[in-house]
N, C-alpha and C. Protein backbone atom coordinates (compact mmCIF):
# COMPACT_ATOMS: atom_id res chain seq x y z
N MET A 1 -15.42 19.29 -7.55
CA MET A 1 -15.39 18.38 -6.42
C MET A 1 -15.26 19.22 -5.16
N THR A 2 -16.08 18.91 -4.17
CA THR A 2 -16.05 19.68 -2.92
C THR A 2 -14.94 19.19 -2.00
N ALA A 3 -14.62 20.01 -1.00
CA ALA A 3 -13.62 19.63 -0.01
C ALA A 3 -14.05 18.37 0.73
N ARG A 4 -15.35 18.25 0.99
CA ARG A 4 -15.86 17.06 1.69
C ARG A 4 -15.66 15.80 0.85
N GLU A 5 -15.94 15.90 -0.46
CA GLU A 5 -15.74 14.74 -1.33
C GLU A 5 -14.27 14.34 -1.40
N THR A 6 -13.38 15.31 -1.41
CA THR A 6 -11.95 15.02 -1.42
C THR A 6 -11.54 14.35 -0.12
N THR A 7 -12.05 14.86 1.01
CA THR A 7 -11.75 14.26 2.32
C THR A 7 -12.29 12.84 2.38
N ASP A 8 -13.50 12.63 1.88
CA ASP A 8 -14.09 11.29 1.87
C ASP A 8 -13.26 10.33 1.01
N ALA A 9 -12.77 10.79 -0.12
CA ALA A 9 -11.94 9.94 -0.99
C ALA A 9 -10.62 9.60 -0.30
N ARG A 10 -10.01 10.58 0.34
CA ARG A 10 -8.76 10.32 1.07
C ARG A 10 -9.00 9.32 2.19
N ARG A 11 -10.09 9.48 2.91
CA ARG A 11 -10.42 8.56 4.00
C ARG A 11 -10.66 7.15 3.45
N PHE A 12 -11.39 7.06 2.34
CA PHE A 12 -11.65 5.76 1.73
C PHE A 12 -10.34 5.04 1.40
N VAL A 13 -9.42 5.73 0.74
CA VAL A 13 -8.15 5.13 0.34
C VAL A 13 -7.35 4.70 1.57
N ALA A 14 -7.24 5.58 2.55
CA ALA A 14 -6.48 5.25 3.77
C ALA A 14 -7.09 4.06 4.49
N GLU A 15 -8.42 4.07 4.67
CA GLU A 15 -9.08 2.98 5.39
C GLU A 15 -9.02 1.67 4.61
N PHE A 16 -9.20 1.75 3.29
CA PHE A 16 -9.17 0.56 2.45
C PHE A 16 -7.83 -0.17 2.59
N PHE A 17 -6.74 0.54 2.32
CA PHE A 17 -5.43 -0.11 2.32
C PHE A 17 -4.94 -0.45 3.73
N THR A 18 -5.27 0.37 4.71
CA THR A 18 -4.87 0.06 6.08
C THR A 18 -5.59 -1.18 6.59
N SER A 19 -6.91 -1.23 6.40
CA SER A 19 -7.66 -2.40 6.91
C SER A 19 -7.31 -3.66 6.13
N PHE A 20 -7.11 -3.54 4.81
CA PHE A 20 -6.72 -4.70 4.02
C PHE A 20 -5.38 -5.24 4.51
N THR A 21 -4.39 -4.36 4.66
CA THR A 21 -3.06 -4.81 5.08
C THR A 21 -3.11 -5.39 6.49
N ARG A 22 -3.85 -4.77 7.38
CA ARG A 22 -3.96 -5.28 8.74
C ARG A 22 -4.57 -6.68 8.73
N GLU A 23 -5.66 -6.86 7.99
CA GLU A 23 -6.33 -8.17 7.95
C GLU A 23 -5.48 -9.24 7.28
N VAL A 24 -4.84 -8.88 6.19
CA VAL A 24 -4.12 -9.88 5.41
C VAL A 24 -2.82 -10.31 6.09
N THR A 25 -2.30 -9.48 7.00
CA THR A 25 -1.08 -9.83 7.71
C THR A 25 -1.35 -10.33 9.13
N ALA A 26 -2.60 -10.45 9.51
CA ALA A 26 -2.95 -10.81 10.88
C ALA A 26 -2.59 -12.25 11.25
N ASP A 27 -2.60 -13.15 10.27
CA ASP A 27 -2.26 -14.54 10.57
C ASP A 27 -1.66 -15.20 9.34
N ASP A 28 -1.31 -16.46 9.49
CA ASP A 28 -0.69 -17.20 8.39
C ASP A 28 -1.67 -18.05 7.60
N GLY A 29 -2.96 -17.86 7.83
CA GLY A 29 -3.97 -18.64 7.11
C GLY A 29 -4.05 -18.25 5.65
N ASP A 30 -4.97 -18.85 4.97
CA ASP A 30 -5.20 -18.57 3.54
C ASP A 30 -5.59 -17.10 3.36
N PRO A 31 -4.80 -16.32 2.61
CA PRO A 31 -5.14 -14.92 2.39
C PRO A 31 -6.29 -14.72 1.39
N GLY A 32 -6.69 -15.77 0.69
CA GLY A 32 -7.73 -15.65 -0.33
C GLY A 32 -9.02 -15.02 0.14
N PRO A 33 -9.59 -15.46 1.27
CA PRO A 33 -10.85 -14.85 1.72
C PRO A 33 -10.72 -13.35 2.03
N VAL A 34 -9.57 -12.93 2.54
CA VAL A 34 -9.36 -11.50 2.79
C VAL A 34 -9.28 -10.76 1.47
N VAL A 35 -8.52 -11.29 0.52
CA VAL A 35 -8.42 -10.67 -0.80
C VAL A 35 -9.82 -10.53 -1.41
N ASP A 36 -10.63 -11.55 -1.27
CA ASP A 36 -11.97 -11.53 -1.85
C ASP A 36 -12.90 -10.50 -1.21
N ARG A 37 -12.63 -10.12 0.04
CA ARG A 37 -13.44 -9.07 0.68
C ARG A 37 -13.08 -7.69 0.16
N TYR A 38 -11.88 -7.52 -0.37
CA TYR A 38 -11.41 -6.21 -0.80
C TYR A 38 -11.30 -6.05 -2.32
N TYR A 39 -11.18 -7.16 -3.04
CA TYR A 39 -10.99 -7.13 -4.49
C TYR A 39 -11.99 -8.07 -5.14
N THR A 40 -12.43 -7.71 -6.35
CA THR A 40 -13.33 -8.59 -7.09
C THR A 40 -12.55 -9.80 -7.61
N PRO A 41 -13.23 -10.91 -7.91
CA PRO A 41 -12.53 -12.11 -8.40
C PRO A 41 -11.75 -11.87 -9.69
N ASP A 42 -12.21 -10.90 -10.49
CA ASP A 42 -11.54 -10.61 -11.77
C ASP A 42 -10.54 -9.46 -11.66
N ILE A 43 -10.04 -9.21 -10.44
CA ILE A 43 -9.10 -8.11 -10.22
C ILE A 43 -7.92 -8.18 -11.19
N VAL A 44 -7.58 -7.02 -11.71
CA VAL A 44 -6.36 -6.88 -12.50
C VAL A 44 -5.69 -5.60 -12.03
N GLN A 45 -4.49 -5.75 -11.49
CA GLN A 45 -3.67 -4.61 -11.13
C GLN A 45 -2.50 -4.58 -12.10
N THR A 46 -2.25 -3.41 -12.63
CA THR A 46 -1.05 -3.23 -13.42
C THR A 46 -0.16 -2.32 -12.60
N ALA A 47 0.88 -2.90 -12.01
CA ALA A 47 1.76 -2.17 -11.12
C ALA A 47 3.13 -2.05 -11.75
N ASP A 48 3.50 -0.83 -12.09
CA ASP A 48 4.78 -0.57 -12.74
C ASP A 48 4.97 -1.46 -13.97
N GLY A 49 3.88 -1.62 -14.73
CA GLY A 49 3.93 -2.39 -15.96
C GLY A 49 3.73 -3.89 -15.80
N ILE A 50 3.62 -4.37 -14.56
CA ILE A 50 3.44 -5.80 -14.31
C ILE A 50 1.97 -6.08 -14.01
N ARG A 51 1.41 -7.00 -14.78
CA ARG A 51 -0.01 -7.36 -14.62
C ARG A 51 -0.16 -8.38 -13.49
N ILE A 52 -1.02 -8.06 -12.54
CA ILE A 52 -1.23 -8.92 -11.38
C ILE A 52 -2.71 -9.28 -11.31
N ASP A 53 -3.01 -10.57 -11.40
CA ASP A 53 -4.39 -11.02 -11.24
C ASP A 53 -4.57 -11.51 -9.81
N ARG A 54 -5.71 -12.07 -9.49
CA ARG A 54 -6.00 -12.51 -8.13
C ARG A 54 -4.96 -13.51 -7.62
N ALA A 55 -4.62 -14.51 -8.43
CA ALA A 55 -3.66 -15.53 -8.00
C ALA A 55 -2.30 -14.91 -7.68
N ARG A 56 -1.84 -13.99 -8.51
CA ARG A 56 -0.54 -13.33 -8.25
C ARG A 56 -0.62 -12.41 -7.04
N LEU A 57 -1.78 -11.80 -6.81
CA LEU A 57 -1.95 -10.95 -5.64
C LEU A 57 -1.86 -11.79 -4.36
N VAL A 58 -2.54 -12.93 -4.35
CA VAL A 58 -2.48 -13.84 -3.20
C VAL A 58 -1.05 -14.32 -2.98
N ALA A 59 -0.35 -14.67 -4.05
CA ALA A 59 1.04 -15.13 -3.93
C ALA A 59 1.95 -14.02 -3.40
N HIS A 60 1.68 -12.79 -3.78
CA HIS A 60 2.48 -11.64 -3.33
C HIS A 60 2.34 -11.43 -1.82
N ILE A 61 1.22 -11.79 -1.28
CA ILE A 61 0.95 -11.57 0.14
C ILE A 61 1.84 -12.43 1.04
N ARG A 62 2.17 -13.61 0.61
CA ARG A 62 2.96 -14.52 1.45
C ARG A 62 4.29 -13.90 1.92
N PRO A 63 5.14 -13.37 1.02
CA PRO A 63 6.39 -12.76 1.51
C PRO A 63 6.15 -11.47 2.31
N VAL A 64 5.09 -10.74 1.96
CA VAL A 64 4.78 -9.53 2.73
C VAL A 64 4.48 -9.91 4.17
N ARG A 65 3.67 -10.95 4.37
CA ARG A 65 3.34 -11.42 5.72
C ARG A 65 4.60 -11.79 6.50
N LYS A 66 5.51 -12.44 5.82
CA LYS A 66 6.72 -12.93 6.47
C LYS A 66 7.65 -11.80 6.90
N ASN A 67 7.67 -10.71 6.14
CA ASN A 67 8.66 -9.66 6.36
C ASN A 67 8.13 -8.38 7.01
N LEU A 68 6.84 -8.08 6.89
CA LEU A 68 6.30 -6.81 7.36
C LEU A 68 6.14 -6.79 8.88
N SER A 69 6.67 -5.76 9.50
CA SER A 69 6.55 -5.59 10.94
C SER A 69 5.57 -4.47 11.28
N ASP A 70 5.63 -3.37 10.54
CA ASP A 70 4.76 -2.22 10.80
C ASP A 70 4.52 -1.49 9.48
N PHE A 71 3.43 -0.74 9.41
CA PHE A 71 3.11 -0.03 8.19
C PHE A 71 2.19 1.14 8.49
N ALA A 72 2.17 2.10 7.56
CA ALA A 72 1.22 3.21 7.61
C ALA A 72 1.03 3.71 6.18
N PHE A 73 -0.18 4.18 5.89
CA PHE A 73 -0.49 4.75 4.59
C PHE A 73 -0.76 6.23 4.79
N GLU A 74 0.00 7.05 4.09
CA GLU A 74 -0.15 8.50 4.14
C GLU A 74 -0.74 8.94 2.80
N VAL A 75 -2.01 9.31 2.82
CA VAL A 75 -2.70 9.69 1.58
C VAL A 75 -2.53 11.19 1.36
N HIS A 76 -1.87 11.54 0.27
CA HIS A 76 -1.60 12.94 -0.04
C HIS A 76 -2.75 13.57 -0.80
N GLU A 77 -3.28 12.82 -1.76
CA GLU A 77 -4.39 13.31 -2.60
C GLU A 77 -5.25 12.12 -3.00
N ALA A 78 -6.54 12.36 -3.11
CA ALA A 78 -7.43 11.31 -3.62
C ALA A 78 -8.69 11.96 -4.15
N LEU A 79 -9.17 11.40 -5.23
CA LEU A 79 -10.43 11.84 -5.85
C LEU A 79 -11.25 10.61 -6.18
N ARG A 80 -12.55 10.72 -5.98
CA ARG A 80 -13.44 9.63 -6.33
C ARG A 80 -14.62 10.21 -7.09
N ASP A 81 -14.93 9.59 -8.23
CA ASP A 81 -16.07 10.00 -9.04
C ASP A 81 -16.81 8.73 -9.44
N GLY A 82 -17.87 8.42 -8.74
CA GLY A 82 -18.61 7.19 -9.00
C GLY A 82 -17.75 5.98 -8.74
N ASP A 83 -17.53 5.18 -9.78
CA ASP A 83 -16.72 3.97 -9.61
C ASP A 83 -15.24 4.17 -9.94
N ARG A 84 -14.84 5.41 -10.12
CA ARG A 84 -13.43 5.72 -10.44
C ARG A 84 -12.76 6.36 -9.24
N ILE A 85 -11.48 6.01 -9.06
CA ILE A 85 -10.71 6.59 -7.97
C ILE A 85 -9.30 6.87 -8.45
N ALA A 86 -8.75 7.97 -7.98
CA ALA A 86 -7.35 8.31 -8.26
C ALA A 86 -6.74 8.74 -6.93
N ALA A 87 -5.53 8.32 -6.68
CA ALA A 87 -4.89 8.67 -5.41
C ALA A 87 -3.38 8.70 -5.55
N ARG A 88 -2.78 9.52 -4.70
CA ARG A 88 -1.33 9.55 -4.54
C ARG A 88 -1.09 9.39 -3.05
N PHE A 89 -0.36 8.33 -2.71
CA PHE A 89 -0.11 8.06 -1.30
C PHE A 89 1.27 7.45 -1.12
N THR A 90 1.74 7.47 0.13
CA THR A 90 3.02 6.88 0.47
C THR A 90 2.78 5.75 1.45
N ILE A 91 3.40 4.62 1.16
CA ILE A 91 3.37 3.48 2.07
C ILE A 91 4.66 3.54 2.88
N HIS A 92 4.52 3.63 4.19
CA HIS A 92 5.67 3.59 5.09
C HIS A 92 5.68 2.20 5.70
N ALA A 93 6.76 1.46 5.51
CA ALA A 93 6.81 0.08 6.00
C ALA A 93 8.12 -0.17 6.74
N THR A 94 8.00 -1.01 7.76
CA THR A 94 9.17 -1.45 8.52
C THR A 94 9.20 -2.96 8.47
N ASP A 95 10.36 -3.52 8.11
CA ASP A 95 10.44 -4.98 8.07
C ASP A 95 10.87 -5.52 9.44
N ARG A 96 10.91 -6.82 9.55
CA ARG A 96 11.21 -7.46 10.83
C ARG A 96 12.64 -7.19 11.33
N ARG A 97 13.52 -6.74 10.42
CA ARG A 97 14.89 -6.38 10.82
C ARG A 97 15.00 -4.92 11.22
N GLY A 98 13.90 -4.18 11.14
CA GLY A 98 13.90 -2.78 11.52
C GLY A 98 14.19 -1.81 10.39
N ARG A 99 14.33 -2.32 9.18
CA ARG A 99 14.59 -1.46 8.02
C ARG A 99 13.29 -0.80 7.57
N CYS A 100 13.36 0.51 7.33
CA CYS A 100 12.19 1.28 6.93
C CYS A 100 12.26 1.60 5.44
N THR A 101 11.13 1.52 4.79
CA THR A 101 11.05 1.91 3.38
C THR A 101 9.84 2.80 3.17
N GLY A 102 9.95 3.65 2.19
CA GLY A 102 8.84 4.49 1.78
C GLY A 102 8.60 4.29 0.30
N THR A 103 7.36 4.07 -0.07
CA THR A 103 7.02 3.88 -1.48
C THR A 103 5.86 4.81 -1.82
N GLU A 104 6.12 5.73 -2.74
CA GLU A 104 5.06 6.61 -3.20
C GLU A 104 4.32 5.91 -4.34
N VAL A 105 3.00 5.92 -4.27
CA VAL A 105 2.16 5.24 -5.24
C VAL A 105 1.21 6.24 -5.89
N HIS A 106 1.11 6.17 -7.19
CA HIS A 106 0.11 6.92 -7.96
C HIS A 106 -0.84 5.87 -8.51
N LEU A 107 -2.08 5.92 -8.10
CA LEU A 107 -3.04 4.87 -8.42
C LEU A 107 -4.25 5.45 -9.14
N PHE A 108 -4.67 4.77 -10.18
CA PHE A 108 -5.92 5.05 -10.87
C PHE A 108 -6.70 3.75 -10.86
N GLY A 109 -7.94 3.78 -10.41
CA GLY A 109 -8.65 2.53 -10.28
C GLY A 109 -10.12 2.60 -10.58
N GLU A 110 -10.70 1.40 -10.67
CA GLU A 110 -12.13 1.21 -10.88
C GLU A 110 -12.66 0.35 -9.74
N LEU A 111 -13.77 0.81 -9.15
CA LEU A 111 -14.39 0.10 -8.04
C LEU A 111 -15.64 -0.63 -8.50
N ALA A 112 -15.93 -1.74 -7.86
CA ALA A 112 -17.20 -2.43 -8.06
C ALA A 112 -18.27 -1.68 -7.27
N PRO A 113 -19.55 -1.90 -7.56
CA PRO A 113 -20.62 -1.21 -6.81
C PRO A 113 -20.55 -1.41 -5.29
N ASP A 114 -19.97 -2.52 -4.84
CA ASP A 114 -19.87 -2.78 -3.40
C ASP A 114 -18.62 -2.18 -2.76
N GLY A 115 -17.80 -1.43 -3.54
CA GLY A 115 -16.63 -0.77 -3.00
C GLY A 115 -15.34 -1.56 -3.12
N ARG A 116 -15.41 -2.80 -3.60
CA ARG A 116 -14.19 -3.56 -3.81
C ARG A 116 -13.47 -3.03 -5.05
N ILE A 117 -12.17 -3.25 -5.09
CA ILE A 117 -11.39 -2.81 -6.25
C ILE A 117 -11.48 -3.85 -7.36
N ARG A 118 -11.75 -3.36 -8.57
CA ARG A 118 -11.84 -4.23 -9.75
C ARG A 118 -10.60 -4.11 -10.62
N ARG A 119 -10.10 -2.90 -10.81
CA ARG A 119 -8.94 -2.67 -11.67
C ARG A 119 -8.12 -1.53 -11.07
N THR A 120 -6.80 -1.63 -11.21
CA THR A 120 -5.94 -0.49 -10.88
C THR A 120 -4.77 -0.44 -11.84
N HIS A 121 -4.31 0.76 -12.04
CA HIS A 121 -3.05 1.04 -12.73
C HIS A 121 -2.25 1.85 -11.73
N GLN A 122 -1.04 1.37 -11.43
CA GLN A 122 -0.24 1.99 -10.40
C GLN A 122 1.18 2.23 -10.89
N LEU A 123 1.71 3.36 -10.51
CA LEU A 123 3.12 3.67 -10.70
C LEU A 123 3.68 3.94 -9.33
N SER A 124 4.86 3.42 -9.06
CA SER A 124 5.43 3.64 -7.73
C SER A 124 6.91 3.97 -7.83
N ARG A 125 7.39 4.57 -6.76
CA ARG A 125 8.82 4.86 -6.65
C ARG A 125 9.20 4.86 -5.18
N THR A 126 10.41 4.46 -4.91
CA THR A 126 10.92 4.47 -3.55
C THR A 126 11.28 5.89 -3.17
N VAL A 127 10.89 6.28 -1.98
CA VAL A 127 11.21 7.61 -1.47
C VAL A 127 11.95 7.46 -0.15
N ARG A 128 12.73 8.45 0.20
CA ARG A 128 13.49 8.41 1.45
C ARG A 128 12.51 8.48 2.62
N THR A 129 12.73 7.65 3.59
CA THR A 129 11.89 7.62 4.77
C THR A 129 12.53 8.52 5.83
N PRO A 130 11.79 9.50 6.37
CA PRO A 130 12.36 10.35 7.41
C PRO A 130 12.88 9.52 8.57
N GLY A 131 14.02 9.94 9.12
CA GLY A 131 14.60 9.23 10.27
C GLY A 131 15.48 8.06 9.89
N THR A 132 15.77 7.90 8.59
CA THR A 132 16.67 6.83 8.16
C THR A 132 17.86 7.44 7.45
N ASP A 133 18.85 6.62 7.21
CA ASP A 133 20.07 7.11 6.56
C ASP A 133 20.00 7.03 5.04
N GLY A 134 18.84 6.77 4.49
CA GLY A 134 18.69 6.71 3.04
C GLY A 134 18.54 5.31 2.50
N ASP A 135 19.04 4.30 3.22
CA ASP A 135 18.87 2.92 2.76
C ASP A 135 17.90 2.15 3.64
N GLY A 136 17.17 2.87 4.48
CA GLY A 136 16.18 2.23 5.33
C GLY A 136 16.66 1.93 6.73
N THR A 137 17.96 2.06 6.98
CA THR A 137 18.50 1.81 8.30
C THR A 137 18.19 3.01 9.18
N PRO A 138 17.65 2.80 10.39
CA PRO A 138 17.40 3.95 11.28
C PRO A 138 18.65 4.78 11.45
N ALA A 139 18.51 6.10 11.42
CA ALA A 139 19.63 7.03 11.45
C ALA A 139 20.54 6.80 12.66
N GLU A 140 19.99 6.47 13.81
CA GLU A 140 20.83 6.27 14.98
C GLU A 140 21.75 5.07 14.82
N GLU A 141 21.33 4.06 14.07
CA GLU A 141 22.21 2.90 13.80
C GLU A 141 23.32 3.30 12.86
N ALA A 142 23.03 4.16 11.90
CA ALA A 142 24.05 4.58 10.94
C ALA A 142 25.17 5.32 11.66
N GLY A 143 24.83 6.14 12.66
CA GLY A 143 25.83 6.89 13.42
C GLY A 143 26.80 5.97 14.15
N GLU A 144 26.32 4.81 14.55
CA GLU A 144 27.17 3.86 15.25
C GLU A 144 28.19 3.21 14.32
N GLU A 145 27.95 3.23 13.04
CA GLU A 145 28.81 2.56 12.08
C GLU A 145 29.87 3.48 11.51
N GLY A 146 29.98 4.69 12.03
CA GLY A 146 31.04 5.58 11.56
C GLY A 146 30.68 6.31 10.29
N ASP A 147 29.51 6.93 10.24
CA ASP A 147 29.11 7.66 9.04
C ASP A 147 29.58 9.12 9.07
N GLY A 148 30.51 9.41 9.97
CA GLY A 148 31.01 10.77 10.04
C GLY A 148 30.40 11.56 11.17
N SER A 149 29.47 10.99 11.94
CA SER A 149 28.86 11.72 13.05
C SER A 149 29.76 11.67 14.26
């Protein structure tokens, strides 16, 4: 795999998840049409052992919309070979209360010919977000609470 192909795969992953998240959180309307632009109707995601089909994916979006304030996807590695993709990335998210979380994701997936995701297997883990006290609270707030600073 060439450096250009690796860069293209990283860009694809970053743009895919960033644009999907931006679109799906833009309003309170039906998230179904947005999901359908990014995922095939027969989507199956297995995330940390939990099987998620289209209906469960749409249902998952509702609380995300309610709580998400800001986000960024940091793609560390990605490879694409035809309709197969593998990536390791971190989702940096801030909720409406200002709490920051980091989630590292290892994803293996299958794409439809039009670039939508058909299947994924994902493993994730929470990682410390820089600038926080370890539980997602901004570090400057932790200092105000008597953390020894």
